[in-house]
Structures are given as structure tokens and as C-alpha cells.
Amino acid sequence: MAKNPTGSGNDRLPHPFRDLLATASVPPQAEFLVHSVKVVCGKQTETNCCCTAGARPGVYATEVNIQNITGLPAQVAKFFVPLINAGAVIGREPKFADPAKVSQNTGELITLPPLGATMDDCCRIAELLLGAPPSRESGLTIGYLTIGSFFDLAVSAVYTATPLSGDGKH
């Protein structure tokens, strides 16, 4: 977590939060709080290779819930950093996903009313990555949804997985 000792503090924010919050009003002496949530979405099919791109064959979904737990409207900045995007591995060691090079479309700034809540699910993550809602089931996508705010937030995640057979008996 980073402290905001003077001024607007936006110049002290980690990138890409700096860009997302460029026009945000920063409470004086506010502490910037960051939450990072692993997201696993899409379908991992059977393969003949030794590596199944980070997950066993199946269909995966994640839902990330965000609630403003204060009595004031809270500006919330979010961005997604993909490690695997629709089956393409982009962040396996020694490579890495650099948020400074991720498309600007994977970030957004929202305002949650007091005690208001929202969620980001696989459809929203795909929409951020593609710039439009997905038209069909996508390949495996794994990454981090990073959430930052000068306000206290409650953040939780729900993960589901189903085997390719769809019967849930594996």
C-alpha cells in the first residue's frame, strides 16, 4: 500500500492507476488501497502436450465482487493483467505480463455509491480484453484483476470449475 503524504497524490500512484485516476479527486492524506484477485475463465481442452496452460481440462469461471463499505461515493480503478489470454500463454516465466503494455481497454474507473456493490465476471473480463462482449465460449484466460481506491472496499471472489464432460463427477 502506498501513502499519499501531500498534494493530489496522483503522481505517486503506481502505473496504470495513475492514468485511470488522473481526473479523480483524492481525499487529503488518503491511503491508496490495492486488491489483487486471481481470475480463471474459459475452456481448457484436452491436449497432447505436456503442459495444459495452467489448468486441467475443464470449463472455468470467476466472479469478483466489490463493495464500497463507506458512507461516501468511492472512486474505484480496475485493470486486468492477462497471463493466459484465450489460450495464448503470455506471462509464463521467464516472460511476464507488463501492465504498462496492456491495452488501455483493460482498465476502467467507476464510482460506487455508499454501500454500493458491483461484480466483474468472465463476460466482463472478456469484454475488457476484446473491446466488445464475447460472441462464443473462449479459450482459457488467467490473470489478475487489480482494484485500487482511496476508500475502503470489501472484495471477494467466487470460483467454479466443471470437467469437460459437464457431469461434475470427476
C-alpha atoms as a PDB file:
ATOM      1  CA  MET A   1       0.000   0.000   0.000  1.00  0.00           C
ATOM      2  CA  ALA A   2       1.195   3.472  -0.796  1.00  0.00           C
ATOM      3  CA  LYS A   3       0.734   6.536   1.362  1.00  0.00           C
ATOM      4  CA  ASN A   4      -0.372   9.865  -0.071  1.00  0.00           C
ATOM      5  CA  PRO A   5       1.609  12.365   2.007  1.00  0.00           C
ATOM      6  CA  THR A   6       0.932  15.611   0.091  1.00  0.00           C
ATOM      7  CA  GLY A   7      -0.989  17.175  -2.742  1.00  0.00           C
ATOM      8  CA  SER A   8      -3.242  15.231  -5.076  1.00  0.00           C
ATOM      9  CA  GLY A   9      -1.069  12.164  -4.763  1.00  0.00           C
ATOM     10  CA  ASN A  10      -1.916  11.011  -8.279  1.00  0.00           C
ATOM     11  CA  ASP A  11       1.739  11.419  -9.270  1.00  0.00           C
ATOM     12  CA  ARG A  12       2.674   8.866  -6.593  1.00  0.00           C
ATOM     13  CA  LEU A  13       0.259   6.173  -7.727  1.00  0.00           C
ATOM     14  CA  PRO A  14       1.561   3.010  -9.376  1.00  0.00           C
ATOM     15  CA  HIS A  15       1.005   2.823 -13.118  1.00  0.00           C
ATOM     16  CA  PRO A  16      -1.643   2.177 -14.608  1.00  0.00           C
ATOM     17  CA  PHE A  17      -3.646   3.520 -11.648  1.00  0.00           C
ATOM     18  CA  ARG A  18      -2.094   6.918 -12.336  1.00  0.00           C
ATOM     19  CA  ASP A  19      -3.764   7.067 -15.764  1.00  0.00           C
ATOM     20  CA  LEU A  20      -7.120   5.758 -14.524  1.00  0.00           C
ATOM     21  CA  LEU A  21      -7.253   8.185 -11.595  1.00  0.00           C
ATOM     22  CA  ALA A  22      -5.788  11.208 -13.428  1.00  0.00           C
ATOM     23  CA  THR A  23      -9.024  13.178 -13.024  1.00  0.00           C
ATOM     24  CA  ALA A  24     -10.101  11.706  -9.679  1.00  0.00           C
ATOM     25  CA  SER A  25     -10.352  13.844  -6.596  1.00  0.00           C
ATOM     26  CA  VAL A  26      -8.101  12.447  -3.901  1.00  0.00           C
ATOM     27  CA  PRO A  27      -9.084  12.863  -0.260  1.00  0.00           C
ATOM     28  CA  PRO A  28      -6.360  14.697   1.708  1.00  0.00           C
ATOM     29  CA  GLN A  29      -3.900  12.368   3.450  1.00  0.00           C
ATOM     30  CA  ALA A  30      -5.690   9.360   1.941  1.00  0.00           C
ATOM     31  CA  GLU A  31      -4.053   5.968   1.773  1.00  0.00           C
ATOM     32  CA  PHE A  32      -4.276   4.179  -1.577  1.00  0.00           C
ATOM     33  CA  LEU A  33      -5.536   0.621  -1.088  1.00  0.00           C
ATOM     34  CA  VAL A  34      -4.963  -2.127  -3.658  1.00  0.00           C
ATOM     35  CA  HIS A  35      -6.632  -5.537  -4.014  1.00  0.00           C
ATOM     36  CA  SER A  36      -5.375  -8.137  -6.491  1.00  0.00           C
ATOM     37  CA  VAL A  37      -7.686 -11.039  -7.398  1.00  0.00           C
ATOM     38  CA  LYS A  38      -6.770 -14.081  -9.484  1.00  0.00           C
ATOM     39  CA  VAL A  39      -9.240 -14.717 -12.305  1.00  0.00           C
ATOM     40  CA  VAL A  40      -9.651 -18.021 -14.206  1.00  0.00           C
ATOM     41  CA  CYS A  41     -12.141 -18.103 -17.093  1.00  0.00           C
ATOM     42  CA  GLY A  42     -12.936 -20.105 -20.201  1.00  0.00           C
ATOM     43  CA  LYS A  43     -12.400 -23.572 -21.542  1.00  0.00           C
ATOM     44  CA  GLN A  44      -9.196 -25.613 -21.312  1.00  0.00           C
ATOM     45  CA  THR A  45      -9.426 -28.503 -23.764  1.00  0.00           C
ATOM     46  CA  GLU A  46      -7.572 -31.809 -23.783  1.00  0.00           C
ATOM     47  CA  THR A  47      -4.108 -31.526 -25.319  1.00  0.00           C
ATOM     48  CA  ASN A  48      -1.394 -33.932 -26.370  1.00  0.00           C
ATOM     49  CA  CYS A  49       1.382 -31.761 -24.987  1.00  0.00           C
ATOM     50  CA  CYS A  50       2.934 -31.959 -21.550  1.00  0.00           C
ATOM     51  CA  CYS A  51       1.513 -28.626 -20.372  1.00  0.00           C
ATOM     52  CA  THR A  52      -2.157 -27.745 -20.140  1.00  0.00           C
ATOM     53  CA  ALA A  53      -1.595 -23.973 -19.933  1.00  0.00           C
ATOM     54  CA  GLY A  54      -2.011 -23.710 -16.190  1.00  0.00           C
ATOM     55  CA  ALA A  55      -5.210 -25.700 -15.701  1.00  0.00           C
ATOM     56  CA  ARG A  56      -6.617 -29.190 -16.176  1.00  0.00           C
ATOM     57  CA  PRO A  57      -9.148 -29.733 -18.968  1.00  0.00           C
ATOM     58  CA  GLY A  58     -12.471 -28.164 -17.980  1.00  0.00           C
ATOM     59  CA  VAL A  59     -14.594 -25.029 -18.020  1.00  0.00           C
ATOM     60  CA  TYR A  60     -13.692 -22.306 -15.514  1.00  0.00           C
ATOM     61  CA  ALA A  61     -15.453 -19.180 -14.243  1.00  0.00           C
ATOM     62  CA  THR A  62     -14.662 -16.461 -11.716  1.00  0.00           C
ATOM     63  CA  GLU A  63     -16.832 -13.726 -10.247  1.00  0.00           C
ATOM     64  CA  VAL A  64     -15.169 -10.840  -8.369  1.00  0.00           C
ATOM     65  CA  ASN A  65     -17.437  -8.835  -6.054  1.00  0.00           C
ATOM     66  CA  ILE A  66     -16.578  -5.295  -4.952  1.00  0.00           C
ATOM     67  CA  GLN A  67     -18.494  -3.316  -2.317  1.00  0.00           C
ATOM     68  CA  ASN A  68     -17.914   0.231  -1.127  1.00  0.00           C
ATOM     69  CA  ILE A  69     -18.127  -0.171   2.658  1.00  0.00           C
ATOM     70  CA  THR A  70     -18.005   3.559   3.388  1.00  0.00           C
ATOM     71  CA  GLY A  71     -20.658   6.245   3.713  1.00  0.00           C
ATOM     72  CA  LEU A  72     -19.258   8.246   0.770  1.00  0.00           C
ATOM     73  CA  PRO A  73     -19.191   7.670  -3.001  1.00  0.00           C
ATOM     74  CA  ALA A  74     -15.971   5.781  -3.794  1.00  0.00           C
ATOM     75  CA  GLN A  75     -13.992   6.054  -6.993  1.00  0.00           C
ATOM     76  CA  VAL A  76     -12.613   2.627  -7.871  1.00  0.00           C
ATOM     77  CA  ALA A  77      -9.960   1.994 -10.513  1.00  0.00           C
ATOM     78  CA  LYS A  78      -9.689  -1.505 -12.001  1.00  0.00           C
ATOM     79  CA  PHE A  79      -7.492  -3.140 -14.606  1.00  0.00           C
ATOM     80  CA  PHE A  80      -6.938  -6.698 -15.799  1.00  0.00           C
ATOM     81  CA  VAL A  81      -3.487  -8.160 -16.498  1.00  0.00           C
ATOM     82  CA  PRO A  82      -3.728 -11.410 -18.502  1.00  0.00           C
ATOM     83  CA  LEU A  83      -1.165 -14.187 -18.055  1.00  0.00           C
ATOM     84  CA  ILE A  84      -3.042 -16.503 -20.452  1.00  0.00           C
ATOM     85  CA  ASN A  85      -5.384 -14.827 -22.931  1.00  0.00           C
ATOM     86  CA  ALA A  86      -7.890 -17.061 -24.763  1.00  0.00           C
ATOM     87  CA  GLY A  87      -5.440 -19.985 -24.589  1.00  0.00           C
ATOM     88  CA  ALA A  88      -2.331 -17.997 -25.562  1.00  0.00           C
ATOM     89  CA  VAL A  89       0.269 -18.062 -22.785  1.00  0.00           C
ATOM     90  CA  ILE A  90       1.821 -14.614 -22.472  1.00  0.00           C
ATOM     91  CA  GLY A  91       3.133 -14.490 -18.922  1.00  0.00           C
ATOM     92  CA  ARG A  92       4.973 -17.750 -18.210  1.00  0.00           C
ATOM     93  CA  GLU A  93       8.448 -17.437 -16.677  1.00  0.00           C
ATOM     94  CA  PRO A  94      10.824 -16.099 -17.962  1.00  0.00           C
ATOM     95  CA  LYS A  95       8.249 -13.868 -19.688  1.00  0.00           C
ATOM     96  CA  PHE A  96       5.815 -11.663 -17.774  1.00  0.00           C
ATOM     97  CA  ALA A  97       2.723  -9.564 -18.351  1.00  0.00           C
ATOM     98  CA  ASP A  98       3.564  -5.863 -18.019  1.00  0.00           C
ATOM     99  CA  PRO A  99       0.573  -3.714 -17.007  1.00  0.00           C
ATOM    100  CA  ALA A 100       2.226  -0.704 -18.658  1.00  0.00           C
ATOM    101  CA  LYS A 101       1.941  -2.521 -22.008  1.00  0.00           C
ATOM    102  CA  VAL A 102      -1.547  -3.949 -21.509  1.00  0.00           C
ATOM    103  CA  SER A 103      -4.229  -2.366 -23.686  1.00  0.00           C
ATOM    104  CA  GLN A 104      -5.883   0.694 -22.139  1.00  0.00           C
ATOM    105  CA  ASN A 105      -9.191  -1.122 -22.699  1.00  0.00           C
ATOM    106  CA  THR A 106      -8.474  -3.448 -19.773  1.00  0.00           C
ATOM    107  CA  GLY A 107      -8.868  -0.630 -17.258  1.00  0.00           C
ATOM    108  CA  GLU A 108     -11.746   1.490 -16.062  1.00  0.00           C
ATOM    109  CA  LEU A 109     -12.734   3.966 -13.378  1.00  0.00           C
ATOM    110  CA  ILE A 110     -16.130   3.601 -11.697  1.00  0.00           C
ATOM    111  CA  THR A 111     -17.870   5.327  -8.798  1.00  0.00           C
ATOM    112  CA  LEU A 112     -19.693   3.154  -6.286  1.00  0.00           C
ATOM    113  CA  PRO A 113     -22.344   4.830  -4.107  1.00  0.00           C
ATOM    114  CA  PRO A 114     -22.171   4.380  -0.328  1.00  0.00           C
ATOM    115  CA  LEU A 115     -22.560   0.659   0.414  1.00  0.00           C
ATOM    116  CA  GLY A 116     -22.991   0.058  -3.351  1.00  0.00           C
ATOM    117  CA  ALA A 117     -21.622  -3.080  -4.943  1.00  0.00           C
ATOM    118  CA  THR A 118     -20.697  -4.410  -8.369  1.00  0.00           C
ATOM    119  CA  MET A 119     -19.187  -7.540  -9.878  1.00  0.00           C
ATOM    120  CA  ASP A 120     -16.775  -8.410 -12.627  1.00  0.00           C
ATOM    121  CA  ASP A 121     -17.219 -11.854 -14.157  1.00  0.00           C
ATOM    122  CA  CYS A 122     -15.748 -13.742 -17.102  1.00  0.00           C
ATOM    123  CA  CYS A 123     -18.031 -11.928 -19.554  1.00  0.00           C
ATOM    124  CA  ARG A 124     -16.823  -8.533 -18.290  1.00  0.00           C
ATOM    125  CA  ILE A 125     -13.153  -9.603 -18.374  1.00  0.00           C
ATOM    126  CA  ALA A 126     -13.577 -10.843 -21.962  1.00  0.00           C
ATOM    127  CA  GLU A 127     -15.290  -7.563 -22.848  1.00  0.00           C
ATOM    128  CA  LEU A 128     -12.346  -5.597 -21.420  1.00  0.00           C
ATOM    129  CA  LEU A 129      -9.828  -7.738 -23.329  1.00  0.00           C
ATOM    130  CA  LEU A 130     -11.743  -7.795 -26.622  1.00  0.00           C
ATOM    131  CA  GLY A 131     -13.373  -4.366 -26.545  1.00  0.00           C
ATOM    132  CA  ALA A 132     -16.810  -5.985 -27.050  1.00  0.00           C
ATOM    133  CA  PRO A 133     -18.882  -8.763 -25.458  1.00  0.00           C
ATOM    134  CA  PRO A 134     -17.681 -12.251 -26.420  1.00  0.00           C
ATOM    135  CA  SER A 135     -19.645 -13.941 -29.204  1.00  0.00           C
ATOM    136  CA  ARG A 136     -18.858 -17.500 -28.094  1.00  0.00           C
ATOM    137  CA  GLU A 137     -17.132 -19.527 -25.399  1.00  0.00           C
ATOM    138  CA  SER A 138     -13.494 -18.527 -25.215  1.00  0.00           C
ATOM    139  CA  GLY A 139     -10.294 -20.389 -24.523  1.00  0.00           C
ATOM    140  CA  LEU A 140      -8.667 -20.355 -21.113  1.00  0.00           C
ATOM    141  CA  THR A 141      -7.933 -16.881 -19.734  1.00  0.00           C
ATOM    142  CA  ILE A 142      -5.990 -16.470 -16.484  1.00  0.00           C
ATOM    143  CA  GLY A 143      -4.818 -13.214 -14.958  1.00  0.00           C
ATOM    144  CA  TYR A 144      -5.238 -10.678 -12.188  1.00  0.00           C
ATOM    145  CA  LEU A 145      -7.984  -8.127 -11.698  1.00  0.00           C
ATOM    146  CA  THR A 146      -6.287  -5.345  -9.759  1.00  0.00           C
ATOM    147  CA  ILE A 147      -8.570  -2.964  -7.875  1.00  0.00           C
ATOM    148  CA  GLY A 148      -7.473   0.294  -6.273  1.00  0.00           C
ATOM    149  CA  SER A 149      -9.226   3.027  -4.320  1.00  0.00           C
ATOM    150  CA  PHE A 150      -8.698   5.680  -1.677  1.00  0.00           C
ATOM    151  CA  PHE A 151     -11.787   4.243   0.034  1.00  0.00           C
ATOM    152  CA  ASP A 152     -12.305   1.026   1.997  1.00  0.00           C
ATOM    153  CA  LEU A 153     -13.669  -1.770  -0.166  1.00  0.00           C
ATOM    154  CA  ALA A 154     -14.796  -5.323   0.518  1.00  0.00           C
ATOM    155  CA  VAL A 155     -13.510  -7.601  -2.252  1.00  0.00           C
ATOM    156  CA  SER A 156     -14.336 -11.296  -2.634  1.00  0.00           C
ATOM    157  CA  ALA A 157     -14.200 -13.907  -5.390  1.00  0.00           C
ATOM    158  CA  VAL A 158     -16.204 -16.992  -6.316  1.00  0.00           C
ATOM    159  CA  TYR A 159     -14.554 -19.701  -8.446  1.00  0.00           C
ATOM    160  CA  THR A 160     -16.256 -22.545 -10.288  1.00  0.00           C
ATOM    161  CA  ALA A 161     -14.906 -25.365 -12.446  1.00  0.00           C
ATOM    162  CA  THR A 162     -16.650 -28.088 -14.419  1.00  0.00           C
ATOM    163  CA  PRO A 163     -14.979 -31.036 -16.186  1.00  0.00           C
ATOM    164  CA  LEU A 164     -15.217 -31.130 -19.972  1.00  0.00           C
ATOM    165  CA  SER A 165     -17.755 -33.956 -19.706  1.00  0.00           C
ATOM    166  CA  GLY A 166     -20.037 -31.499 -17.872  1.00  0.00           C
ATOM    167  CA  ASP A 167     -21.229 -34.072 -15.356  1.00  0.00           C
ATOM    168  CA  GLY A 168     -19.206 -32.771 -12.394  1.00  0.00           C
ATOM    169  CA  LYS A 169     -18.363 -36.327 -11.288  1.00  0.00           C
ATOM    170  CA  HIS A 170     -14.580 -36.172 -11.770  1.00  0.00           C
END
